Amino acid sequence: MTIVIGYDGSDYSMQALDWAMDEAGYRHAPLLVAHAWQWPYGPGGDGPAHDSLRRAAEHVLFHGADCARNCTSGLTVDSDLYEGSAADRLIELSRAADLVVVGSRGSRALVRTMIGSVADRVVTHAHSPVIVVRGAGSLLHRPDRAPIVAAIDGHDDYLQDRVLAFAYEEASLRGLPLVAAWAWRYPVGAWSPGVSMIMPDPLSEEVLAPVTEPWRIKYPEVETVHRLEEGPVAEVLARLSASATLLVVGAGRSSGRLGRIGSVTRPVLHHAACPVAVIPMDTTPA
């Protein structure tokens, strides 16, 4: 088991490094700190300028790896320096990784709610689960035991099991409760003012308890809450993320060149108020 962290020295990647160190510690897994750099003037770069840029990249990488080693005890930390696309390298490393962690990027105030191009490409094409660390600063002000939220869609049992497997393991490792959330919509014309937007607990239990039952049996120590809420899926999940430690969603099936991230997962990644774990179709359940 290996945890890969994409590190570029920015505040965003420092937040991601903190999360990755926690993951490696909880899972007793080695941590691989990866940094990519590119010669901006085309292929075949050499000479003093090229060497200087490489040394600068080495400095960034060694800083991240040293931070991980100095901030944790008993954690195995390795480093990976790559000349080329950061997204391509992280996607390649994901083939042998159990988890990839990346920071949410966006250097200008107007786009800070959006994830950057590297994170977007990695979650679209990675072979392992990917956690995009966003909203990390606000985690300090969240309630103790803020839950892990698992998004249930009811359309793909295979992927749903992988989402629940990851979410329950994460909740167990961190000693947190789990919220299994399913967003639903009224049929067109069926809604009228005054109708509750949150289904009563008995109905939530009736609908969702059979879905989570195998995982509640496997992880009896994890307190499970079932939430059935009316509204667009992305909006419901973004709302729940405001009081969550981690939101876990499925990537969906591949759709050609656009990859697996669809109309629900991408908006969630852009607007969630907490880190988001994206689980690909081919992840093996825990």
Protein backbone atom coordinates (compact mmCIF):
# COMPACT_ATOMS: atom_id res chain seq x y z
CA MET A 1 0.00 0.00 0.00
CA THR A 2 1.40 3.39 -1.04
CA ILE A 3 0.02 6.91 -0.64
CA VAL A 4 1.13 9.31 -3.39
CA ILE A 5 1.07 13.07 -2.81
CA GLY A 6 1.46 15.56 -5.64
CA TYR A 7 3.57 18.37 -4.18
CA ASP A 8 4.59 21.70 -5.74
CA GLY A 9 5.43 23.81 -2.70
CA SER A 10 2.23 25.90 -2.82
CA ASP A 11 -0.07 26.44 0.14
CA TYR A 12 -2.56 24.13 -1.55
CA SER A 13 -0.06 21.30 -1.81
CA MET A 14 1.07 21.87 1.79
CA GLN A 15 -2.53 21.29 2.88
CA ALA A 16 -2.61 18.18 0.72
CA LEU A 17 0.69 17.01 2.24
CA ASP A 18 -0.78 17.33 5.74
CA TRP A 19 -3.74 15.21 4.68
CA ALA A 20 -1.52 12.64 2.95
CA MET A 21 0.67 12.29 6.05
CA ASP A 22 -2.44 11.60 8.12
CA GLU A 23 -3.61 9.01 5.59
CA ALA A 24 -0.23 7.28 5.58
CA GLY A 25 -0.17 7.27 9.37
CA TYR A 26 -3.69 5.87 9.72
CA ARG A 27 -3.02 3.20 7.10
CA HIS A 28 0.58 2.41 8.15
CA ALA A 29 1.53 2.97 4.52
CA PRO A 30 4.64 4.48 2.90
CA LEU A 31 4.30 7.98 1.50
CA LEU A 32 5.64 8.94 -1.94
CA VAL A 33 6.11 12.69 -2.42
CA ALA A 34 6.00 13.44 -6.16
CA HIS A 35 7.00 16.63 -7.94
CA ALA A 36 7.06 17.34 -11.67
CA TRP A 37 8.75 20.15 -13.55
CA GLN A 38 8.88 21.15 -17.18
CA TRP A 39 11.46 22.87 -19.36
CA PRO A 40 9.34 25.65 -20.92
CA TYR A 41 11.20 25.90 -24.23
CA GLY A 42 10.43 22.59 -25.89
CA PRO A 43 12.18 19.21 -25.91
CA GLY A 44 15.91 18.68 -25.68
CA GLY A 45 16.72 21.27 -23.04
CA ASP A 46 20.21 21.26 -21.59
CA GLY A 47 22.86 23.65 -20.35
CA PRO A 48 23.11 25.81 -17.21
CA ALA A 49 19.55 27.16 -17.36
CA HIS A 50 18.09 23.67 -17.65
CA ASP A 51 20.26 22.43 -14.80
CA SER A 52 19.28 25.40 -12.66
CA LEU A 53 15.59 24.70 -13.20
CA ARG A 54 16.10 21.07 -12.30
CA ARG A 55 17.93 22.01 -9.10
CA ALA A 56 15.05 24.32 -8.17
CA ALA A 57 12.63 21.43 -8.70
CA GLU A 58 14.81 19.17 -6.55
CA HIS A 59 14.73 21.81 -3.81
CA VAL A 60 10.91 21.90 -3.88
CA LEU A 61 10.70 18.11 -3.76
CA PHE A 62 13.25 17.72 -0.97
CA HIS A 63 11.44 20.39 1.06
CA GLY A 64 8.17 18.45 0.84
CA ALA A 65 9.81 15.12 1.63
CA ASP A 66 11.74 16.63 4.56
CA CYS A 67 8.54 18.16 5.94
CA ALA A 68 6.91 14.74 5.88
CA ARG A 69 9.88 13.08 7.57
CA ASN A 70 10.26 15.76 10.23
CA CYS A 71 6.55 16.02 11.05
CA THR A 72 5.95 12.31 11.53
CA SER A 73 7.70 9.48 13.28
CA GLY A 74 7.92 5.98 11.91
CA LEU A 75 6.63 7.02 8.48
CA THR A 76 8.50 5.77 5.40
CA VAL A 77 8.86 8.68 2.97
CA ASP A 78 10.20 8.40 -0.58
CA SER A 79 10.41 11.03 -3.32
CA ASP A 80 9.82 11.08 -7.06
CA LEU A 81 11.12 13.81 -9.41
CA TYR A 82 9.78 13.85 -12.95
CA GLU A 83 10.44 16.09 -15.93
CA GLY A 84 7.15 16.49 -17.73
CA SER A 85 3.46 16.87 -17.00
CA ALA A 86 2.51 16.68 -13.32
CA ALA A 87 -0.91 15.24 -14.17
CA ASP A 88 0.55 12.58 -16.47
CA ARG A 89 3.04 11.52 -13.80
CA LEU A 90 0.44 11.27 -11.05
CA ILE A 91 -1.86 9.27 -13.32
CA GLU A 92 1.01 6.88 -14.06
CA LEU A 93 1.91 6.58 -10.36
CA SER A 94 -1.74 5.87 -9.56
CA ARG A 95 -1.43 2.51 -11.34
CA ALA A 96 0.59 1.14 -8.41
CA ALA A 97 -0.80 3.41 -5.67
CA ASP A 98 -3.59 2.77 -3.22
CA LEU A 99 -4.42 6.47 -3.00
CA VAL A 100 -3.34 9.73 -4.66
CA VAL A 101 -3.71 13.04 -2.81
CA VAL A 102 -3.63 16.39 -4.60
CA GLY A 103 -4.29 19.97 -3.60
CA SER A 104 -7.04 22.16 -4.98
CA ARG A 105 -5.48 24.87 -7.10
CA GLY A 106 -6.57 28.32 -8.19
CA SER A 107 -4.18 31.21 -7.73
CA ARG A 108 -6.63 34.07 -8.29
CA ALA A 109 -9.35 35.05 -5.84
CA LEU A 110 -12.07 34.77 -8.49
CA VAL A 111 -11.32 31.11 -9.14
CA ARG A 112 -10.48 29.83 -5.68
CA THR A 113 -13.69 27.81 -5.59
CA MET A 114 -12.55 25.88 -8.66
CA ILE A 115 -10.10 23.00 -8.77
CA GLY A 116 -7.04 23.39 -10.95
CA SER A 117 -6.27 21.67 -14.23
CA VAL A 118 -3.85 19.15 -12.68
CA ALA A 119 -6.35 17.99 -10.05
CA ASP A 120 -9.14 17.86 -12.63
CA ARG A 121 -7.10 15.73 -15.02
CA VAL A 122 -5.86 13.40 -12.27
CA VAL A 123 -9.31 12.63 -10.86
CA THR A 124 -10.62 12.11 -14.40
CA HIS A 125 -8.02 9.55 -15.42
CA ALA A 126 -6.44 8.07 -12.26
CA HIS A 127 -6.48 4.32 -11.66
CA SER A 128 -6.72 4.63 -7.86
CA PRO A 129 -8.91 6.69 -5.54
CA VAL A 130 -7.93 10.37 -5.48
CA ILE A 131 -8.49 12.83 -2.66
CA VAL A 132 -8.65 16.49 -3.69
CA VAL A 133 -7.92 18.52 -0.56
CA ARG A 134 -10.06 21.63 -0.64
CA GLY A 135 -11.59 23.61 2.21
CA ALA A 136 -8.74 22.39 4.41
CA GLY A 137 -8.34 25.65 6.33
CA SER A 138 -11.96 25.62 7.45
CA LEU A 139 -11.58 22.06 8.79
CA LEU A 140 -9.96 23.56 11.88
CA HIS A 141 -13.30 25.18 12.76
CA ARG A 142 -15.51 22.16 12.19
CA PRO A 143 -17.23 20.27 15.00
CA ASP A 144 -15.37 17.41 16.61
CA ARG A 145 -16.15 14.14 14.86
CA ALA A 146 -17.39 15.83 11.66
CA PRO A 147 -18.56 12.84 9.62
CA ILE A 148 -17.40 11.10 6.50
CA VAL A 149 -20.17 11.60 3.91
CA ALA A 150 -20.68 8.83 1.35
CA ALA A 151 -22.69 9.72 -1.75
CA ILE A 152 -25.20 7.00 -2.69
CA ASP A 153 -26.66 7.19 -6.19
CA GLY A 154 -28.70 4.00 -6.47
CA HIS A 155 -27.81 3.52 -10.14
CA ASP A 156 -24.62 1.46 -10.03
CA ASP A 157 -24.31 -1.12 -7.25
CA TYR A 158 -20.75 -1.99 -8.24
CA LEU A 159 -19.45 1.57 -7.90
CA GLN A 160 -21.68 2.24 -4.90
CA ASP A 161 -20.01 -0.62 -3.03
CA ARG A 162 -16.60 0.89 -3.77
CA VAL A 163 -17.69 4.27 -2.46
CA LEU A 164 -19.01 2.69 0.73
CA ALA A 165 -15.93 0.49 1.14
CA PHE A 166 -13.63 3.51 1.02
CA ALA A 167 -15.89 5.69 3.16
CA TYR A 168 -16.36 3.09 5.91
CA GLU A 169 -12.66 2.30 6.05
CA GLU A 170 -11.88 6.02 6.33
CA ALA A 171 -14.48 6.48 9.07
CA SER A 172 -13.12 3.48 10.96
CA LEU A 173 -9.51 4.63 10.71
CA ARG A 174 -10.36 8.15 11.87
CA GLY A 175 -12.93 7.15 14.51
CA LEU A 176 -15.66 9.23 12.83
CA PRO A 177 -19.35 8.68 12.11
CA LEU A 178 -20.53 8.11 8.55
CA VAL A 179 -23.42 9.77 6.76
CA ALA A 180 -24.85 7.80 3.83
CA ALA A 181 -26.55 10.44 1.69
CA TRP A 182 -28.94 9.96 -1.21
CA ALA A 183 -30.32 12.97 -3.10
CA TRP A 184 -33.67 12.56 -4.81
CA ARG A 185 -36.09 14.70 -6.83
CA TYR A 186 -39.86 15.04 -6.82
CA PRO A 187 -41.49 14.10 -10.13
CA VAL A 188 -42.18 17.17 -12.25
CA GLY A 189 -45.33 18.86 -10.98
CA ALA A 190 -45.52 16.73 -7.83
CA TRP A 191 -44.00 19.24 -5.41
CA SER A 192 -46.00 21.89 -3.64
CA PRO A 193 -44.96 24.51 -1.06
CA GLY A 194 -44.86 23.25 2.48
CA VAL A 195 -43.64 19.75 1.63
CA SER A 196 -40.53 18.84 3.62
CA MET A 197 -37.30 18.73 1.66
CA ILE A 198 -35.70 16.22 4.05
CA MET A 199 -37.38 12.85 4.27
CA PRO A 200 -38.31 11.64 7.78
CA ASP A 201 -35.80 9.37 9.47
CA PRO A 202 -37.97 6.22 9.25
CA LEU A 203 -38.15 6.49 5.46
CA SER A 204 -34.43 7.24 5.21
CA GLU A 205 -33.76 4.10 7.22
CA GLU A 206 -36.13 2.04 5.08
CA VAL A 207 -34.48 3.13 1.83
CA LEU A 208 -30.81 3.28 2.82
CA ALA A 209 -30.38 0.72 5.61
CA PRO A 210 -30.31 -2.24 3.18
CA VAL A 211 -27.65 -0.45 1.12
CA THR A 212 -25.30 0.08 4.05
CA GLU A 213 -26.07 -3.15 5.94
CA PRO A 214 -23.03 -5.18 4.73
CA TRP A 215 -20.71 -2.33 5.68
CA ARG A 216 -22.33 -1.72 9.06
CA ILE A 217 -21.77 -5.42 9.80
CA LYS A 218 -18.13 -5.20 8.71
CA TYR A 219 -17.51 -1.94 10.62
CA PRO A 220 -19.75 -2.17 13.71
CA GLU A 221 -17.71 0.54 15.43
CA VAL A 222 -18.76 3.15 12.84
CA GLU A 223 -21.90 5.08 13.74
CA THR A 224 -24.04 5.37 10.59
CA VAL A 225 -26.61 8.05 9.83
CA HIS A 226 -28.87 7.79 6.77
CA ARG A 227 -29.88 10.99 4.97
CA LEU A 228 -32.42 11.17 2.16
CA GLU A 229 -32.68 14.76 0.87
CA GLU A 230 -34.59 16.32 -1.99
CA GLY A 231 -32.64 18.44 -4.44
CA PRO A 232 -30.07 18.35 -7.24
CA VAL A 233 -27.38 15.83 -6.32
CA ALA A 234 -24.44 18.24 -6.61
CA GLU A 235 -26.21 20.87 -4.50
CA VAL A 236 -27.18 18.39 -1.78
CA LEU A 237 -23.64 17.01 -1.55
CA ALA A 238 -22.05 20.47 -1.55
CA ARG A 239 -24.38 21.45 1.28
CA LEU A 240 -23.52 18.36 3.32
CA SER A 241 -19.81 18.96 2.73
CA ALA A 242 -19.98 22.14 4.81
CA SER A 243 -20.08 20.06 7.99
CA ALA A 244 -18.07 17.02 6.82
CA THR A 245 -14.49 15.88 7.25
CA LEU A 246 -14.48 14.13 3.86
CA LEU A 247 -16.97 13.65 1.02
CA VAL A 248 -16.67 10.37 -0.92
CA VAL A 249 -18.13 10.16 -4.44
CA GLY A 250 -17.91 7.77 -7.37
CA ALA A 251 -16.18 8.71 -10.60
CA GLY A 252 -18.59 6.81 -12.83
CA ARG A 253 -17.90 4.92 -16.00
CA SER A 254 -15.54 6.07 -18.72
CA SER A 255 -17.10 8.27 -21.36
CA GLY A 256 -14.42 8.41 -24.03
CA ARG A 257 -12.02 11.31 -24.14
CA LEU A 258 -13.92 13.11 -21.38
CA GLY A 259 -12.96 10.39 -18.91
CA ARG A 260 -15.20 9.39 -16.00
CA ILE A 261 -16.03 12.67 -14.28
CA GLY A 262 -19.58 13.62 -15.13
CA SER A 263 -22.29 16.16 -14.50
CA VAL A 264 -22.47 15.47 -10.75
CA THR A 265 -18.92 14.73 -9.65
CA ARG A 266 -17.27 17.68 -11.38
CA PRO A 267 -19.52 20.36 -9.79
CA VAL A 268 -19.02 18.68 -6.41
CA LEU A 269 -15.25 18.89 -6.87
CA HIS A 270 -15.50 22.57 -7.76
CA HIS A 271 -17.79 23.64 -4.93
CA ALA A 272 -17.38 21.24 -1.98
CA ALA A 273 -16.36 22.82 1.30
CA CYS A 274 -14.25 19.84 2.41
CA PRO A 275 -11.78 17.40 0.84
CA VAL A 276 -13.37 15.11 -1.75
CA ALA A 277 -12.41 11.48 -2.43
CA VAL A 278 -13.20 10.30 -5.96
CA ILE A 279 -13.44 6.53 -6.36
CA PRO A 280 -12.90 5.03 -9.82
CA MET A 281 -14.92 2.14 -11.18
CA ASP A 282 -12.10 -0.41 -10.98
CA THR A 283 -11.20 0.04 -7.30
CA THR A 284 -11.21 -3.25 -5.38
CA PRO A 285 -13.46 -3.10 -2.30
CA ALA A 286 -11.75 -3.22 1.08
